[in-house]
């Protein structure tokens, strides 16, 4: 096993201890950069060269369209998006169309479900549960809406607090969830959120009627995530993750010697 950082998280055989998950706060980062980082993490996780990872970030204004999404759910013209400085990205995640922007906490888990449970529906429900419990910590009663993916203020409500869309490759996950904390909700008017007519997005800040800092929500989400997925969360800096990924890629590229 190559030396790819965090040696104290390994056992005597050099393998990562079961249940370790790195939490990496990317801060405000572009969608494209976060996507590229996910691709590197997925490759390294498939090769068991890093443990599970939870990337947390917020994005500049961007609209993404899932692999099964319908372009007609984008209500703004390309010119309008340019004028508003909103990027548009096709995506290989599940789901339809969504908006990401400042004040929204986005989580990208890179998990090996083969070591947990090979069940996509179960995984999606667990991500919903992360947002539900995080909202409950702030006094918001949120839940699921039968037949609709995501987290809602109530089963009878059209107000959506959190969205999710995932991708799996050989049971390693990417993409993830987005929880509206202090998001400027007017940007959701540019789309039919998640392709659901009549859907209205809300946020913790709007529901609580007071300012809510993203920095105060991220630790709650991290703790809840660890509880739900039974993972021991280790805070790791971006530089440390990138060093581990460089090491992993170098070892993957090494020719096999006999």
C-alpha atoms as a PDB file:
ATOM      1  CA  UNK A   1       0.000   0.000   0.000  1.00  0.00           C
ATOM      2  CA  UNK A   2       1.516   3.373  -0.995  1.00  0.00           C
ATOM      3  CA  UNK A   3       2.072   6.112   1.568  1.00  0.00           C
ATOM      4  CA  UNK A   4      -0.756   8.473   0.685  1.00  0.00           C
ATOM      5  CA  UNK A   5      -1.089  10.508   3.859  1.00  0.00           C
ATOM      6  CA  UNK A   6      -2.878  10.035   7.172  1.00  0.00           C
ATOM      7  CA  UNK A   7      -0.831   7.012   8.219  1.00  0.00           C
ATOM      8  CA  UNK A   8      -2.470   7.017  11.669  1.00  0.00           C
ATOM      9  CA  UNK A   9      -5.743   6.154   9.915  1.00  0.00           C
ATOM     10  CA  UNK A  10      -4.253   2.856   8.708  1.00  0.00           C
ATOM     11  CA  UNK A  11      -3.923  -0.525  10.343  1.00  0.00           C
ATOM     12  CA  UNK A  12      -0.744  -2.606  10.569  1.00  0.00           C
ATOM     13  CA  UNK A  13      -1.321  -3.991   7.063  1.00  0.00           C
ATOM     14  CA  UNK A  14      -1.395  -0.476   5.603  1.00  0.00           C
ATOM     15  CA  UNK A  15      -5.121  -0.560   4.899  1.00  0.00           C
ATOM     16  CA  UNK A  16      -7.406   2.275   5.985  1.00  0.00           C
ATOM     17  CA  UNK A  17      -9.333   1.496   9.140  1.00  0.00           C
ATOM     18  CA  UNK A  18     -12.933   0.601   8.304  1.00  0.00           C
ATOM     19  CA  UNK A  19     -15.239   3.510   8.946  1.00  0.00           C
ATOM     20  CA  UNK A  20     -12.793   6.368   8.317  1.00  0.00           C
ATOM     21  CA  UNK A  21     -14.134   9.291   6.259  1.00  0.00           C
ATOM     22  CA  UNK A  22     -12.255  12.449   5.371  1.00  0.00           C
ATOM     23  CA  UNK A  23     -14.251  15.681   5.491  1.00  0.00           C
ATOM     24  CA  UNK A  24     -12.798  18.349   3.216  1.00  0.00           C
ATOM     25  CA  UNK A  25     -14.172  21.904   3.159  1.00  0.00           C
ATOM     26  CA  UNK A  26     -13.569  23.383  -0.287  1.00  0.00           C
ATOM     27  CA  UNK A  27     -15.185  26.733   0.519  1.00  0.00           C
ATOM     28  CA  UNK A  28     -16.500  28.682  -2.470  1.00  0.00           C
ATOM     29  CA  UNK A  29     -15.358  26.720  -5.507  1.00  0.00           C
ATOM     30  CA  UNK A  30     -16.476  26.467  -9.108  1.00  0.00           C
ATOM     31  CA  UNK A  31     -18.692  23.599 -10.167  1.00  0.00           C
ATOM     32  CA  UNK A  32     -16.148  22.500 -12.760  1.00  0.00           C
ATOM     33  CA  UNK A  33     -13.290  22.375 -10.249  1.00  0.00           C
ATOM     34  CA  UNK A  34     -15.411  20.413  -7.756  1.00  0.00           C
ATOM     35  CA  UNK A  35     -16.425  17.997 -10.494  1.00  0.00           C
ATOM     36  CA  UNK A  36     -12.810  17.396 -11.514  1.00  0.00           C
ATOM     37  CA  UNK A  37     -11.838  16.794  -7.894  1.00  0.00           C
ATOM     38  CA  UNK A  38     -14.657  14.274  -7.537  1.00  0.00           C
ATOM     39  CA  UNK A  39     -13.399  12.355 -10.569  1.00  0.00           C
ATOM     40  CA  UNK A  40      -9.927  12.080  -9.020  1.00  0.00           C
ATOM     41  CA  UNK A  41     -11.380  11.022  -5.671  1.00  0.00           C
ATOM     42  CA  UNK A  42     -13.556   8.356  -7.284  1.00  0.00           C
ATOM     43  CA  UNK A  43     -10.587   6.853  -9.126  1.00  0.00           C
ATOM     44  CA  UNK A  44      -8.501   6.768  -5.962  1.00  0.00           C
ATOM     45  CA  UNK A  45     -11.375   5.336  -3.903  1.00  0.00           C
ATOM     46  CA  UNK A  46     -11.943   2.551  -6.454  1.00  0.00           C
ATOM     47  CA  UNK A  47      -8.290   1.625  -6.031  1.00  0.00           C
ATOM     48  CA  UNK A  48      -8.629   1.773  -2.208  1.00  0.00           C
ATOM     49  CA  UNK A  49      -5.892   4.414  -2.098  1.00  0.00           C
ATOM     50  CA  UNK A  50      -7.960   6.865  -0.058  1.00  0.00           C
ATOM     51  CA  UNK A  51     -10.766   6.282   2.448  1.00  0.00           C
ATOM     52  CA  UNK A  52     -14.313   7.546   2.007  1.00  0.00           C
ATOM     53  CA  UNK A  53     -14.498  11.318   1.509  1.00  0.00           C
ATOM     54  CA  UNK A  54     -17.124  14.002   2.085  1.00  0.00           C
ATOM     55  CA  UNK A  55     -16.455  17.166   0.087  1.00  0.00           C
ATOM     56  CA  UNK A  56     -18.367  20.221   1.326  1.00  0.00           C
ATOM     57  CA  UNK A  57     -18.555  23.468  -0.601  1.00  0.00           C
ATOM     58  CA  UNK A  58     -20.674  26.246  -2.003  1.00  0.00           C
ATOM     59  CA  UNK A  59     -20.661  27.241  -5.658  1.00  0.00           C
ATOM     60  CA  UNK A  60     -20.837  30.494  -7.556  1.00  0.00           C
ATOM     61  CA  UNK A  61     -24.146  30.760  -9.446  1.00  0.00           C
ATOM     62  CA  UNK A  62     -24.558  27.669 -11.624  1.00  0.00           C
ATOM     63  CA  UNK A  63     -27.399  25.624 -13.083  1.00  0.00           C
ATOM     64  CA  UNK A  64     -26.798  21.930 -13.704  1.00  0.00           C
ATOM     65  CA  UNK A  65     -28.834  19.506 -15.778  1.00  0.00           C
ATOM     66  CA  UNK A  66     -28.835  15.820 -14.811  1.00  0.00           C
ATOM     67  CA  UNK A  67     -28.393  13.035 -17.330  1.00  0.00           C
ATOM     68  CA  UNK A  68     -32.156  12.447 -17.435  1.00  0.00           C
ATOM     69  CA  UNK A  69     -33.070  16.123 -17.270  1.00  0.00           C
ATOM     70  CA  UNK A  70     -35.115  18.079 -19.773  1.00  0.00           C
ATOM     71  CA  UNK A  71     -33.622  21.232 -21.250  1.00  0.00           C
ATOM     72  CA  UNK A  72     -37.089  22.827 -21.377  1.00  0.00           C
ATOM     73  CA  UNK A  73     -36.971  23.031 -17.575  1.00  0.00           C
ATOM     74  CA  UNK A  74     -34.396  25.776 -18.030  1.00  0.00           C
ATOM     75  CA  UNK A  75     -36.588  28.874 -18.243  1.00  0.00           C
ATOM     76  CA  UNK A  76     -33.871  31.452 -18.916  1.00  0.00           C
ATOM     77  CA  UNK A  77     -32.159  32.086 -22.235  1.00  0.00           C
ATOM     78  CA  UNK A  78     -28.411  31.677 -22.670  1.00  0.00           C
ATOM     79  CA  UNK A  79     -28.146  35.457 -22.955  1.00  0.00           C
ATOM     80  CA  UNK A  80     -30.005  35.967 -19.679  1.00  0.00           C
ATOM     81  CA  UNK A  81     -27.708  33.519 -17.926  1.00  0.00           C
ATOM     82  CA  UNK A  82     -24.645  35.361 -19.225  1.00  0.00           C
ATOM     83  CA  UNK A  83     -26.034  38.712 -18.073  1.00  0.00           C
ATOM     84  CA  UNK A  84     -26.708  37.287 -14.611  1.00  0.00           C
ATOM     85  CA  UNK A  85     -23.287  35.593 -14.486  1.00  0.00           C
ATOM     86  CA  UNK A  86     -24.856  32.148 -14.113  1.00  0.00           C
ATOM     87  CA  UNK A  87     -23.012  29.168 -15.577  1.00  0.00           C
ATOM     88  CA  UNK A  88     -24.758  26.172 -17.116  1.00  0.00           C
ATOM     89  CA  UNK A  89     -23.348  22.645 -16.867  1.00  0.00           C
ATOM     90  CA  UNK A  90     -24.692  19.324 -18.156  1.00  0.00           C
ATOM     91  CA  UNK A  91     -24.016  16.662 -15.525  1.00  0.00           C
ATOM     92  CA  UNK A  92     -23.814  12.884 -15.295  1.00  0.00           C
ATOM     93  CA  UNK A  93     -25.692  12.831 -11.988  1.00  0.00           C
ATOM     94  CA  UNK A  94     -29.238  11.575 -11.621  1.00  0.00           C
ATOM     95  CA  UNK A  95     -32.175  13.934 -11.367  1.00  0.00           C
ATOM     96  CA  UNK A  96     -33.308  16.812 -13.519  1.00  0.00           C
ATOM     97  CA  UNK A  97     -32.307  20.470 -13.288  1.00  0.00           C
ATOM     98  CA  UNK A  98     -31.162  22.382 -10.233  1.00  0.00           C
ATOM     99  CA  UNK A  99     -29.467  25.581  -9.148  1.00  0.00           C
ATOM    100  CA  UNK A 100     -26.403  25.964  -6.927  1.00  0.00           C
ATOM    101  CA  UNK A 101     -25.177  29.235  -5.525  1.00  0.00           C
ATOM    102  CA  UNK A 102     -23.706  31.099  -2.558  1.00  0.00           C
ATOM    103  CA  UNK A 103     -25.424  30.318   0.716  1.00  0.00           C
ATOM    104  CA  UNK A 104     -26.193  26.743  -0.301  1.00  0.00           C
ATOM    105  CA  UNK A 105     -24.270  23.906   1.356  1.00  0.00           C
ATOM    106  CA  UNK A 106     -23.353  21.272  -1.217  1.00  0.00           C
ATOM    107  CA  UNK A 107     -22.086  17.855  -0.174  1.00  0.00           C
ATOM    108  CA  UNK A 108     -20.282  15.439  -2.480  1.00  0.00           C
ATOM    109  CA  UNK A 109     -19.765  12.066  -0.740  1.00  0.00           C
ATOM    110  CA  UNK A 110     -17.238   9.705  -2.319  1.00  0.00           C
ATOM    111  CA  UNK A 111     -18.268   6.450  -0.643  1.00  0.00           C
ATOM    112  CA  UNK A 112     -17.639   2.817  -1.443  1.00  0.00           C
ATOM    113  CA  UNK A 113     -21.128   1.370  -1.087  1.00  0.00           C
ATOM    114  CA  UNK A 114     -19.754  -2.120  -1.676  1.00  0.00           C
ATOM    115  CA  UNK A 115     -18.401  -1.886   1.857  1.00  0.00           C
ATOM    116  CA  UNK A 116     -21.739  -0.618   3.201  1.00  0.00           C
ATOM    117  CA  UNK A 117     -24.848  -1.635   1.307  1.00  0.00           C
ATOM    118  CA  UNK A 118     -25.256  -2.071  -2.436  1.00  0.00           C
ATOM    119  CA  UNK A 119     -28.574  -0.291  -2.658  1.00  0.00           C
ATOM    120  CA  UNK A 120     -29.011   2.995  -4.531  1.00  0.00           C
ATOM    121  CA  UNK A 121     -32.467   3.711  -3.070  1.00  0.00           C
ATOM    122  CA  UNK A 122     -31.148   3.145   0.440  1.00  0.00           C
ATOM    123  CA  UNK A 123     -28.251   5.517  -0.263  1.00  0.00           C
ATOM    124  CA  UNK A 124     -30.547   8.271  -1.567  1.00  0.00           C
ATOM    125  CA  UNK A 125     -32.743   7.921   1.526  1.00  0.00           C
ATOM    126  CA  UNK A 126     -29.676   8.228   3.749  1.00  0.00           C
ATOM    127  CA  UNK A 127     -28.677  11.487   2.049  1.00  0.00           C
ATOM    128  CA  UNK A 128     -32.193  12.801   2.566  1.00  0.00           C
ATOM    129  CA  UNK A 129     -31.919  11.790   6.219  1.00  0.00           C
ATOM    130  CA  UNK A 130     -28.706  13.806   6.572  1.00  0.00           C
ATOM    131  CA  UNK A 131     -30.560  16.957   5.517  1.00  0.00           C
ATOM    132  CA  UNK A 132     -33.665  16.124   7.567  1.00  0.00           C
ATOM    133  CA  UNK A 133     -31.679  15.705  10.785  1.00  0.00           C
ATOM    134  CA  UNK A 134     -29.545  18.758  10.085  1.00  0.00           C
ATOM    135  CA  UNK A 135     -32.705  20.841   9.618  1.00  0.00           C
ATOM    136  CA  UNK A 136     -34.130  19.408  12.858  1.00  0.00           C
ATOM    137  CA  UNK A 137     -31.021  20.613  14.711  1.00  0.00           C
ATOM    138  CA  UNK A 138     -32.073  24.158  13.777  1.00  0.00           C
ATOM    139  CA  UNK A 139     -35.681  23.563  14.777  1.00  0.00           C
ATOM    140  CA  UNK A 140     -37.056  22.918  11.291  1.00  0.00           C
ATOM    141  CA  UNK A 141     -39.343  19.920  10.835  1.00  0.00           C
ATOM    142  CA  UNK A 142     -38.566  18.688   7.330  1.00  0.00           C
ATOM    143  CA  UNK A 143     -39.214  15.347   5.701  1.00  0.00           C
ATOM    144  CA  UNK A 144     -39.843  13.373   2.549  1.00  0.00           C
ATOM    145  CA  UNK A 145     -42.610  13.933   0.037  1.00  0.00           C
ATOM    146  CA  UNK A 146     -43.937  10.620  -1.344  1.00  0.00           C
ATOM    147  CA  UNK A 147     -42.983  10.173  -4.978  1.00  0.00           C
ATOM    148  CA  UNK A 148     -40.625  13.158  -4.962  1.00  0.00           C
ATOM    149  CA  UNK A 149     -36.895  13.094  -4.294  1.00  0.00           C
ATOM    150  CA  UNK A 150     -35.394  15.539  -1.846  1.00  0.00           C
ATOM    151  CA  UNK A 151     -36.317  17.140   1.453  1.00  0.00           C
ATOM    152  CA  UNK A 152     -39.495  19.157   1.930  1.00  0.00           C
ATOM    153  CA  UNK A 153     -40.989  21.304   4.670  1.00  0.00           C
ATOM    154  CA  UNK A 154     -43.843  18.800   4.878  1.00  0.00           C
ATOM    155  CA  UNK A 155     -45.364  16.014   2.804  1.00  0.00           C
ATOM    156  CA  UNK A 156     -48.177  18.335   1.751  1.00  0.00           C
ATOM    157  CA  UNK A 157     -45.911  21.297   1.030  1.00  0.00           C
ATOM    158  CA  UNK A 158     -44.476  22.439  -2.281  1.00  0.00           C
ATOM    159  CA  UNK A 159     -41.523  24.048  -0.481  1.00  0.00           C
ATOM    160  CA  UNK A 160     -38.283  22.187  -1.063  1.00  0.00           C
ATOM    161  CA  UNK A 161     -35.398  22.656   1.349  1.00  0.00           C
ATOM    162  CA  UNK A 162     -32.848  20.208  -0.033  1.00  0.00           C
ATOM    163  CA  UNK A 163     -32.139  18.429  -3.304  1.00  0.00           C
ATOM    164  CA  UNK A 164     -30.032  15.457  -4.295  1.00  0.00           C
ATOM    165  CA  UNK A 165     -28.674  13.773  -7.394  1.00  0.00           C
ATOM    166  CA  UNK A 166     -26.105  11.004  -7.391  1.00  0.00           C
ATOM    167  CA  UNK A 167     -23.872   8.983  -9.667  1.00  0.00           C
ATOM    168  CA  UNK A 168     -22.406   5.541  -9.010  1.00  0.00           C
ATOM    169  CA  UNK A 169     -19.515   3.789 -10.714  1.00  0.00           C
ATOM    170  CA  UNK A 170     -18.589   0.308  -9.486  1.00  0.00           C
ATOM    171  CA  UNK A 171     -20.517   1.219  -6.319  1.00  0.00           C
ATOM    172  CA  UNK A 172     -18.402   4.301  -5.635  1.00  0.00           C
ATOM    173  CA  UNK A 173     -20.565   7.399  -5.299  1.00  0.00           C
ATOM    174  CA  UNK A 174     -20.167  10.958  -6.538  1.00  0.00           C
ATOM    175  CA  UNK A 175     -22.324  14.096  -6.741  1.00  0.00           C
ATOM    176  CA  UNK A 176     -24.667  14.280  -3.750  1.00  0.00           C
ATOM    177  CA  UNK A 177     -26.911  16.761  -1.955  1.00  0.00           C
ATOM    178  CA  UNK A 178     -27.584  20.491  -1.665  1.00  0.00           C
ATOM    179  CA  UNK A 179     -29.144  22.140   1.395  1.00  0.00           C
ATOM    180  CA  UNK A 180     -30.454  25.699   1.074  1.00  0.00           C
ATOM    181  CA  UNK A 181     -29.116  27.677   4.019  1.00  0.00           C
ATOM    182  CA  UNK A 182     -29.089  31.364   3.093  1.00  0.00           C
ATOM    183  CA  UNK A 183     -29.504  30.939  -0.658  1.00  0.00           C
ATOM    184  CA  UNK A 184     -30.890  33.758  -2.798  1.00  0.00           C
ATOM    185  CA  UNK A 185     -34.068  31.919  -3.762  1.00  0.00           C
ATOM    186  CA  UNK A 186     -34.827  34.233  -6.689  1.00  0.00           C
ATOM    187  CA  UNK A 187     -32.346  32.265  -8.804  1.00  0.00           C
ATOM    188  CA  UNK A 188     -34.618  29.231  -8.668  1.00  0.00           C
ATOM    189  CA  UNK A 189     -37.031  31.234 -10.845  1.00  0.00           C
ATOM    190  CA  UNK A 190     -34.639  30.525 -13.731  1.00  0.00           C
ATOM    191  CA  UNK A 191     -35.635  26.851 -13.715  1.00  0.00           C
ATOM    192  CA  UNK A 192     -38.424  24.406 -12.942  1.00  0.00           C
ATOM    193  CA  UNK A 193     -36.692  23.088  -9.799  1.00  0.00           C
ATOM    194  CA  UNK A 194     -35.917  19.380 -10.223  1.00  0.00           C
ATOM    195  CA  UNK A 195     -38.372  19.380 -13.124  1.00  0.00           C
ATOM    196  CA  UNK A 196     -41.336  19.456 -10.701  1.00  0.00           C
ATOM    197  CA  UNK A 197     -44.060  21.912 -11.721  1.00  0.00           C
ATOM    198  CA  UNK A 198     -45.293  23.980  -8.798  1.00  0.00           C
ATOM    199  CA  UNK A 199     -42.169  23.312  -6.746  1.00  0.00           C
ATOM    200  CA  UNK A 200     -40.901  26.265  -4.710  1.00  0.00           C
ATOM    201  CA  UNK A 201     -37.529  26.341  -3.027  1.00  0.00           C
ATOM    202  CA  UNK A 202     -37.042  27.557   0.513  1.00  0.00           C
ATOM    203  CA  UNK A 203     -34.100  27.887   2.906  1.00  0.00           C
ATOM    204  CA  UNK A 204     -33.238  27.574   6.564  1.00  0.00           C
ATOM    205  CA  UNK A 205     -32.865  31.344   6.715  1.00  0.00           C
ATOM    206  CA  UNK A 206     -36.322  31.957   5.260  1.00  0.00           C
ATOM    207  CA  UNK A 207     -38.001  29.367   7.487  1.00  0.00           C
ATOM    208  CA  UNK A 208     -36.304  30.626  10.642  1.00  0.00           C
ATOM    209  CA  UNK A 209     -36.746  34.289   9.807  1.00  0.00           C
ATOM    210  CA  UNK A 210     -33.195  35.131  10.817  1.00  0.00           C
ATOM    211  CA  UNK A 211     -29.698  35.023   9.332  1.00  0.00           C
ATOM    212  CA  UNK A 212     -28.067  31.584   9.248  1.00  0.00           C
ATOM    213  CA  UNK A 213     -24.346  31.253   8.548  1.00  0.00           C
ATOM    214  CA  UNK A 214     -23.172  28.444   6.301  1.00  0.00           C
ATOM    215  CA  UNK A 215     -20.176  28.002   8.590  1.00  0.00           C
ATOM    216  CA  UNK A 216     -22.533  27.072  11.407  1.00  0.00           C
ATOM    217  CA  UNK A 217     -24.414  24.480   9.362  1.00  0.00           C
ATOM    218  CA  UNK A 218     -21.475  22.584   7.848  1.00  0.00           C
ATOM    219  CA  UNK A 219     -20.264  21.062  11.172  1.00  0.00           C
ATOM    220  CA  UNK A 220     -23.804  19.887  11.933  1.00  0.00           C
ATOM    221  CA  UNK A 221     -24.110  18.226   8.533  1.00  0.00           C
ATOM    222  CA  UNK A 222     -20.700  16.586   8.964  1.00  0.00           C
ATOM    223  CA  UNK A 223     -21.618  15.180  12.386  1.00  0.00           C
ATOM    224  CA  UNK A 224     -24.994  13.901  11.196  1.00  0.00           C
ATOM    225  CA  UNK A 225     -23.389  12.400   8.084  1.00  0.00           C
ATOM    226  CA  UNK A 226     -20.942  10.465  10.245  1.00  0.00           C
ATOM    227  CA  UNK A 227     -23.733   9.175  12.462  1.00  0.00           C
ATOM    228  CA  UNK A 228     -25.960   8.061   9.595  1.00  0.00           C
ATOM    229  CA  UNK A 229     -23.221   6.331   7.606  1.00  0.00           C
ATOM    230  CA  UNK A 230     -21.402   5.070  10.714  1.00  0.00           C
ATOM    231  CA  UNK A 231     -18.215   6.864   9.764  1.00  0.00           C
ATOM    232  CA  UNK A 232     -15.502   8.408  11.913  1.00  0.00           C
ATOM    233  CA  UNK A 233     -15.082  11.864  10.408  1.00  0.00           C
ATOM    234  CA  UNK A 234     -11.558  13.269  10.068  1.00  0.00           C
ATOM    235  CA  UNK A 235     -11.125  16.890   8.979  1.00  0.00           C
ATOM    236  CA  UNK A 236      -8.542  17.057   6.179  1.00  0.00           C
ATOM    237  CA  UNK A 237      -7.357  20.141   4.321  1.00  0.00           C
ATOM    238  CA  UNK A 238      -7.623  20.429   0.553  1.00  0.00           C
ATOM    239  CA  UNK A 239      -3.834  20.456   0.212  1.00  0.00           C
ATOM    240  CA  UNK A 240      -3.625  17.163   2.123  1.00  0.00           C
ATOM    241  CA  UNK A 241      -6.311  15.597  -0.067  1.00  0.00           C
ATOM    242  CA  UNK A 242      -4.599  16.763  -3.255  1.00  0.00           C
ATOM    243  CA  UNK A 243      -1.289  15.350  -2.020  1.00  0.00           C
ATOM    244  CA  UNK A 244      -2.950  12.001  -1.314  1.00  0.00           C
ATOM    245  CA  UNK A 245      -4.565  12.014  -4.769  1.00  0.00           C
ATOM    246  CA  UNK A 246      -1.255  12.799  -6.475  1.00  0.00           C
ATOM    247  CA  UNK A 247       0.337   9.930  -4.597  1.00  0.00           C
ATOM    248  CA  UNK A 248      -2.537   7.619  -5.504  1.00  0.00           C
ATOM    249  CA  UNK A 249      -2.398   8.531  -9.195  1.00  0.00           C
ATOM    250  CA  UNK A 250       1.367   8.028  -9.262  1.00  0.00           C
ATOM    251  CA  UNK A 251       1.007   4.568  -7.771  1.00  0.00           C
ATOM    252  CA  UNK A 252      -1.816   3.614 -10.122  1.00  0.00           C
ATOM    253  CA  UNK A 253       0.340   4.679 -13.059  1.00  0.00           C
ATOM    254  CA  UNK A 254       3.338   2.602 -11.965  1.00  0.00           C
ATOM    255  CA  UNK A 255       4.064  -0.377 -14.241  1.00  0.00           C
ATOM    256  CA  UNK A 256       3.609  -3.780 -12.697  1.00  0.00           C
ATOM    257  CA  UNK A 257       6.942  -5.502 -12.026  1.00  0.00           C
ATOM    258  CA  UNK A 258       7.435  -9.251 -11.731  1.00  0.00           C
END
